[in-house]
N, C-alpha and C. Protein backbone atom coordinates (compact mmCIF):
# COMPACT_ATOMS: atom_id res chain seq x y z
N MET A 1 128.46 57.43 111.73
CA MET A 1 129.47 58.39 112.09
C MET A 1 129.15 59.86 111.68
N ARG A 2 128.50 60.06 110.46
CA ARG A 2 128.03 61.40 110.10
C ARG A 2 126.97 61.94 110.96
N THR A 3 126.07 61.07 111.42
CA THR A 3 124.96 61.62 112.15
C THR A 3 125.40 61.92 113.63
N GLN A 4 126.42 61.18 113.99
CA GLN A 4 127.06 61.47 115.36
C GLN A 4 127.71 62.95 115.31
N LYS A 5 128.36 63.25 114.19
CA LYS A 5 128.96 64.63 114.13
C LYS A 5 127.89 65.74 114.04
N ALA A 6 126.85 65.49 113.22
CA ALA A 6 125.73 66.43 113.12
C ALA A 6 125.11 66.68 114.42
N LYS A 7 124.82 65.57 115.16
CA LYS A 7 124.27 65.66 116.56
C LYS A 7 125.08 66.43 117.43
N SER A 8 126.44 66.17 117.40
CA SER A 8 127.40 66.90 118.28
C SER A 8 127.40 68.43 117.93
N LEU A 9 127.29 68.74 116.64
CA LEU A 9 127.30 70.15 116.21
C LEU A 9 126.15 70.87 116.59
N THR A 10 125.00 70.14 116.43
CA THR A 10 123.69 70.73 116.83
C THR A 10 123.68 70.97 118.34
N LEU A 11 124.06 70.16 119.11
CA LEU A 11 124.14 70.37 120.54
C LEU A 11 125.05 71.38 120.95
N SER A 12 126.23 71.54 120.34
CA SER A 12 127.21 72.68 120.51
C SER A 12 126.54 73.99 120.16
N ALA A 13 125.85 73.98 119.12
CA ALA A 13 125.20 75.20 118.60
C ALA A 13 124.09 75.69 119.68
N LEU A 14 123.30 74.66 120.07
CA LEU A 14 122.25 75.10 121.14
C LEU A 14 122.88 75.45 122.44
N ALA A 15 124.00 74.90 122.83
CA ALA A 15 124.64 75.30 124.03
C ALA A 15 125.16 76.73 123.97
N LEU A 16 125.76 77.09 122.78
CA LEU A 16 126.25 78.35 122.60
C LEU A 16 125.14 79.33 122.44
N LEU A 17 123.98 79.03 121.86
CA LEU A 17 122.82 79.96 121.79
C LEU A 17 122.27 80.08 123.24
N ALA A 18 122.23 79.22 124.06
CA ALA A 18 121.77 79.25 125.46
C ALA A 18 122.60 80.27 126.27
N THR A 19 123.82 80.40 126.02
CA THR A 19 124.71 81.27 126.78
C THR A 19 124.68 82.70 126.29
N MET A 20 124.12 82.99 125.17
CA MET A 20 124.08 84.26 124.62
C MET A 20 123.11 85.15 125.36
N PRO A 21 123.51 86.42 125.70
CA PRO A 21 122.58 87.28 126.49
C PRO A 21 121.53 87.79 125.55
N PHE A 22 120.33 87.98 126.14
CA PHE A 22 119.21 88.59 125.45
C PHE A 22 119.24 89.98 125.49
N LEU A 23 118.82 90.69 124.39
CA LEU A 23 118.92 92.19 124.34
C LEU A 23 117.69 92.84 125.14
N THR A 24 118.04 93.86 125.87
CA THR A 24 116.95 94.67 126.48
C THR A 24 116.41 95.55 125.53
N PRO A 25 115.22 96.09 125.79
CA PRO A 25 114.62 97.03 124.82
C PRO A 25 115.55 98.21 124.47
N ALA A 26 116.24 98.59 125.48
CA ALA A 26 117.20 99.80 125.25
C ALA A 26 118.34 99.41 124.30
N GLN A 27 118.83 98.27 124.51
CA GLN A 27 119.81 97.75 123.70
C GLN A 27 119.39 97.55 122.23
N ALA A 28 118.15 97.15 122.10
CA ALA A 28 117.66 96.88 120.75
C ALA A 28 117.09 98.10 120.09
N ALA A 29 117.20 99.23 120.64
CA ALA A 29 116.76 100.47 120.05
C ALA A 29 117.35 100.75 118.75
N GLU A 30 116.63 101.45 117.99
CA GLU A 30 117.14 101.83 116.60
C GLU A 30 118.44 102.58 116.78
N PRO A 31 119.37 102.36 115.76
CA PRO A 31 120.64 103.11 115.91
C PRO A 31 120.42 104.62 115.48
N THR A 32 121.17 105.47 116.09
CA THR A 32 120.97 106.87 115.81
C THR A 32 122.10 107.53 115.08
N ALA A 33 121.74 108.61 114.57
CA ALA A 33 122.85 109.41 113.80
C ALA A 33 122.99 110.72 114.66
N ARG A 34 124.07 111.37 114.39
CA ARG A 34 124.32 112.67 115.17
C ARG A 34 124.74 113.69 114.15
N SER A 35 124.17 114.93 114.24
CA SER A 35 124.51 115.99 113.39
C SER A 35 125.86 116.64 113.72
N THR A 36 126.59 116.95 112.70
CA THR A 36 127.95 117.51 112.93
C THR A 36 127.94 119.04 112.86
N ALA A 37 126.81 119.63 112.46
CA ALA A 37 126.77 121.06 112.35
C ALA A 37 125.21 121.39 112.57
N ILE A 38 124.97 122.67 112.59
CA ILE A 38 123.51 123.21 112.61
C ILE A 38 123.02 122.92 111.23
N LEU A 39 121.97 122.06 111.09
CA LEU A 39 121.44 121.66 109.81
C LEU A 39 120.13 122.25 109.55
N GLN A 40 119.94 122.73 108.22
CA GLN A 40 118.57 123.16 107.89
C GLN A 40 117.72 121.97 107.56
N VAL A 41 116.54 121.86 108.21
CA VAL A 41 115.62 120.81 107.93
C VAL A 41 114.73 121.22 106.83
N ARG A 42 114.50 120.45 105.82
CA ARG A 42 113.70 120.76 104.70
C ARG A 42 112.49 119.92 104.52
N THR A 43 111.43 120.34 103.80
CA THR A 43 110.22 119.51 103.53
C THR A 43 110.40 118.34 102.69
N ALA A 44 111.53 118.27 101.86
CA ALA A 44 111.72 117.26 100.92
C ALA A 44 113.22 117.30 100.63
N PRO A 45 113.79 116.13 100.05
CA PRO A 45 115.21 116.13 99.71
C PRO A 45 115.48 117.03 98.61
N GLY A 46 116.48 117.92 98.83
CA GLY A 46 116.91 118.83 97.70
C GLY A 46 117.03 120.18 98.27
N TRP A 47 118.02 120.94 97.64
CA TRP A 47 118.32 122.21 98.13
C TRP A 47 117.19 123.28 97.88
N THR A 48 116.33 122.98 96.96
CA THR A 48 115.25 124.00 96.63
C THR A 48 114.06 123.81 97.53
N ALA A 49 114.00 122.67 98.28
CA ALA A 49 112.83 122.52 99.16
C ALA A 49 112.83 123.55 100.27
N PRO A 50 111.62 124.01 100.69
CA PRO A 50 111.49 124.98 101.75
C PRO A 50 112.11 124.50 103.02
N VAL A 51 112.78 125.36 103.83
CA VAL A 51 113.39 125.10 105.20
C VAL A 51 112.29 125.17 106.18
N ILE A 52 112.07 124.19 107.06
CA ILE A 52 111.04 124.16 108.06
C ILE A 52 111.61 124.45 109.49
N GLY A 53 112.94 124.38 109.63
CA GLY A 53 113.61 124.61 110.88
C GLY A 53 115.00 124.13 110.85
N ASN A 54 115.72 124.09 112.04
CA ASN A 54 117.10 123.73 112.17
C ASN A 54 117.33 122.60 113.14
N LEU A 55 118.26 121.74 112.87
CA LEU A 55 118.58 120.68 113.71
C LEU A 55 119.87 121.15 114.49
N ALA A 56 119.97 121.03 115.77
CA ALA A 56 121.13 121.48 116.50
C ALA A 56 122.35 120.77 116.21
N LYS A 57 123.55 121.35 116.39
CA LYS A 57 124.80 120.69 116.23
C LYS A 57 124.83 119.54 117.42
N ASN A 58 125.35 118.27 117.03
CA ASN A 58 125.47 117.13 117.97
C ASN A 58 124.07 116.65 118.38
N GLN A 59 122.98 116.86 117.78
CA GLN A 59 121.76 116.36 118.16
C GLN A 59 121.64 114.87 117.57
N GLN A 60 121.12 113.96 118.56
CA GLN A 60 121.00 112.64 118.21
C GLN A 60 119.69 112.52 117.50
N VAL A 61 119.57 111.78 116.39
CA VAL A 61 118.21 111.60 115.75
C VAL A 61 118.17 110.17 115.09
N THR A 62 116.95 109.64 115.07
CA THR A 62 116.73 108.33 114.19
C THR A 62 116.45 108.78 112.76
N LEU A 63 116.64 107.89 111.99
CA LEU A 63 116.32 108.15 110.53
C LEU A 63 115.25 107.24 110.01
N GLU A 64 114.27 107.73 109.16
CA GLU A 64 113.22 106.95 108.63
C GLU A 64 113.60 106.46 107.23
N HIS A 65 114.40 107.24 106.46
CA HIS A 65 114.84 106.88 105.13
C HIS A 65 115.84 107.73 104.73
N CYS A 66 116.65 107.13 103.79
CA CYS A 66 117.75 108.00 103.08
C CYS A 66 117.57 107.75 101.55
N THR A 67 117.87 108.69 100.73
CA THR A 67 117.71 108.67 99.30
C THR A 67 118.73 107.48 98.84
N ARG A 68 118.40 106.85 97.70
CA ARG A 68 119.26 105.70 97.18
C ARG A 68 120.61 106.18 96.96
N ASN A 69 120.91 107.39 96.56
CA ASN A 69 122.34 107.92 96.40
C ASN A 69 122.93 108.31 97.74
N GLY A 70 122.15 108.30 98.79
CA GLY A 70 122.67 108.53 100.15
C GLY A 70 122.95 110.14 100.29
N ASP A 71 122.32 111.05 99.63
CA ASP A 71 122.65 112.36 99.80
C ASP A 71 121.80 113.00 100.86
N TRP A 72 120.56 112.48 101.04
CA TRP A 72 119.59 113.07 101.93
C TRP A 72 118.99 112.11 102.85
N CYS A 73 118.64 112.49 104.18
CA CYS A 73 118.07 111.48 104.96
C CYS A 73 116.87 112.09 105.67
N GLN A 74 115.72 111.34 105.84
CA GLN A 74 114.50 111.84 106.52
C GLN A 74 114.66 111.58 108.00
N LEU A 75 114.22 112.48 108.85
CA LEU A 75 114.33 112.50 110.28
C LEU A 75 113.21 111.62 110.79
N GLY A 76 113.54 110.99 111.95
CA GLY A 76 112.53 110.12 112.61
C GLY A 76 111.45 110.89 113.34
N PRO A 77 110.54 110.21 113.97
CA PRO A 77 109.45 110.94 114.58
C PRO A 77 109.70 111.45 116.05
N GLU A 78 110.90 111.13 116.67
CA GLU A 78 111.11 111.57 117.99
C GLU A 78 111.39 113.10 118.10
N LEU A 79 111.43 113.79 117.10
CA LEU A 79 111.76 115.27 117.14
C LEU A 79 110.37 116.00 117.25
N THR A 80 110.49 117.34 117.45
CA THR A 80 109.26 118.12 117.50
C THR A 80 108.43 117.96 116.35
N PRO A 81 107.06 118.07 116.49
CA PRO A 81 106.19 117.88 115.16
C PRO A 81 106.62 118.54 113.98
N ASP A 82 107.03 119.84 114.12
CA ASP A 82 107.49 120.59 112.95
C ASP A 82 108.68 120.06 112.29
N LEU A 83 109.63 119.31 112.98
CA LEU A 83 110.84 118.89 112.34
C LEU A 83 110.76 117.35 112.02
N ALA A 84 109.87 116.57 112.72
CA ALA A 84 109.72 115.10 112.42
C ALA A 84 109.37 115.02 111.05
N GLY A 85 110.03 114.03 110.29
CA GLY A 85 109.68 113.76 108.91
C GLY A 85 110.40 114.70 107.88
N GLY A 86 111.16 115.72 108.49
CA GLY A 86 111.90 116.61 107.66
C GLY A 86 113.12 115.93 107.02
N TRP A 87 113.78 116.56 106.14
CA TRP A 87 115.01 116.03 105.43
C TRP A 87 116.14 116.87 105.66
N VAL A 88 117.32 116.31 105.87
CA VAL A 88 118.63 116.95 106.04
C VAL A 88 119.62 116.28 105.20
N ARG A 89 120.78 117.11 104.91
CA ARG A 89 121.86 116.61 104.05
C ARG A 89 122.55 115.45 104.77
N ALA A 90 122.71 114.26 104.19
CA ALA A 90 123.23 113.09 104.91
C ALA A 90 124.69 113.27 105.17
N GLY A 91 125.43 114.10 104.37
CA GLY A 91 126.93 114.23 104.65
C GLY A 91 127.21 114.87 105.93
N TYR A 92 126.20 115.45 106.56
CA TYR A 92 126.50 116.24 107.82
C TYR A 92 125.99 115.34 109.03
N LEU A 93 125.62 114.06 108.73
CA LEU A 93 125.27 113.13 109.84
C LEU A 93 126.34 112.05 110.00
N VAL A 94 126.57 111.78 111.29
CA VAL A 94 127.61 110.74 111.63
C VAL A 94 126.75 109.63 112.16
N GLY A 95 126.94 108.41 111.74
CA GLY A 95 126.27 107.20 112.27
C GLY A 95 125.90 106.29 111.16
N MET A 96 126.96 105.64 110.60
CA MET A 96 126.78 104.74 109.54
C MET A 96 125.74 103.63 109.73
N ALA A 97 125.62 103.14 110.97
CA ALA A 97 124.59 102.14 111.25
C ALA A 97 123.14 102.60 111.09
N ALA A 98 122.83 103.85 111.43
CA ALA A 98 121.60 104.36 111.22
C ALA A 98 121.34 104.59 109.78
N LYS A 99 122.35 105.06 109.05
CA LYS A 99 122.17 105.36 107.53
C LYS A 99 121.95 104.17 106.75
N MET A 100 122.84 103.05 107.03
CA MET A 100 122.74 101.81 106.23
C MET A 100 121.42 101.11 106.43
N ARG A 101 120.79 101.19 107.62
CA ARG A 101 119.52 100.53 107.86
C ARG A 101 118.42 101.09 107.00
N VAL A 102 118.45 102.25 106.55
CA VAL A 102 117.35 102.90 105.86
C VAL A 102 117.64 103.29 104.41
N THR A 103 118.89 102.99 103.95
CA THR A 103 119.33 103.47 102.64
C THR A 103 119.00 102.22 101.70
N PRO A 104 118.20 102.36 100.57
CA PRO A 104 117.88 101.26 99.70
C PRO A 104 119.28 100.86 99.03
N PHE A 105 119.36 99.60 98.69
CA PHE A 105 120.58 99.04 98.06
C PHE A 105 120.59 99.47 96.60
N GLN A 106 121.76 99.79 96.08
CA GLN A 106 121.92 100.32 94.76
C GLN A 106 122.88 99.36 94.00
N PHE A 107 122.42 98.72 93.01
CA PHE A 107 123.30 97.84 92.22
C PHE A 107 124.41 98.60 91.44
N MET A 108 125.57 98.09 91.55
CA MET A 108 126.61 98.72 90.82
C MET A 108 126.62 98.35 89.29
N VAL A 109 126.14 97.10 89.07
CA VAL A 109 125.91 96.60 87.70
C VAL A 109 124.48 96.18 87.51
N ASN A 110 123.83 96.53 86.46
CA ASN A 110 122.42 95.99 86.36
C ASN A 110 122.45 94.47 86.09
N PRO A 111 121.83 93.72 87.00
CA PRO A 111 121.93 92.23 86.95
C PRO A 111 121.16 91.74 85.72
N TRP A 112 120.30 92.54 85.19
CA TRP A 112 119.40 92.14 84.00
C TRP A 112 120.03 92.59 82.75
N GLY A 113 121.17 93.28 82.66
CA GLY A 113 121.92 93.66 81.49
C GLY A 113 121.19 94.85 80.68
N ARG A 114 120.21 95.45 81.26
CA ARG A 114 119.56 96.56 80.55
C ARG A 114 120.08 97.92 81.16
N GLN A 115 119.99 98.87 80.37
CA GLN A 115 120.33 100.29 80.79
C GLN A 115 119.36 100.93 81.67
């Protein structure tokens, strides 16, 4: 009886999988973020890093990395060479899917019990 149910569930799962649409390359593209203001692009995360240019308001960007605390994000390679890889303040970017994908996880409690 148990193997009958397992076989039935397996066949149902395969049938469901077969009906799922496959993603096109455009649909599988990286999620983007959008700037909510004109942003200064810096060479490194932090207010004291030199400014290398500006990101236009409402400009769509991909993100390479965000700092662990989520304050700064590094821009992706699709921008002009002088802005690609630059850093902007994350609070002025809209697009949680793009941010979450590149932000390292931060434990709220140390699982090893050390400070």
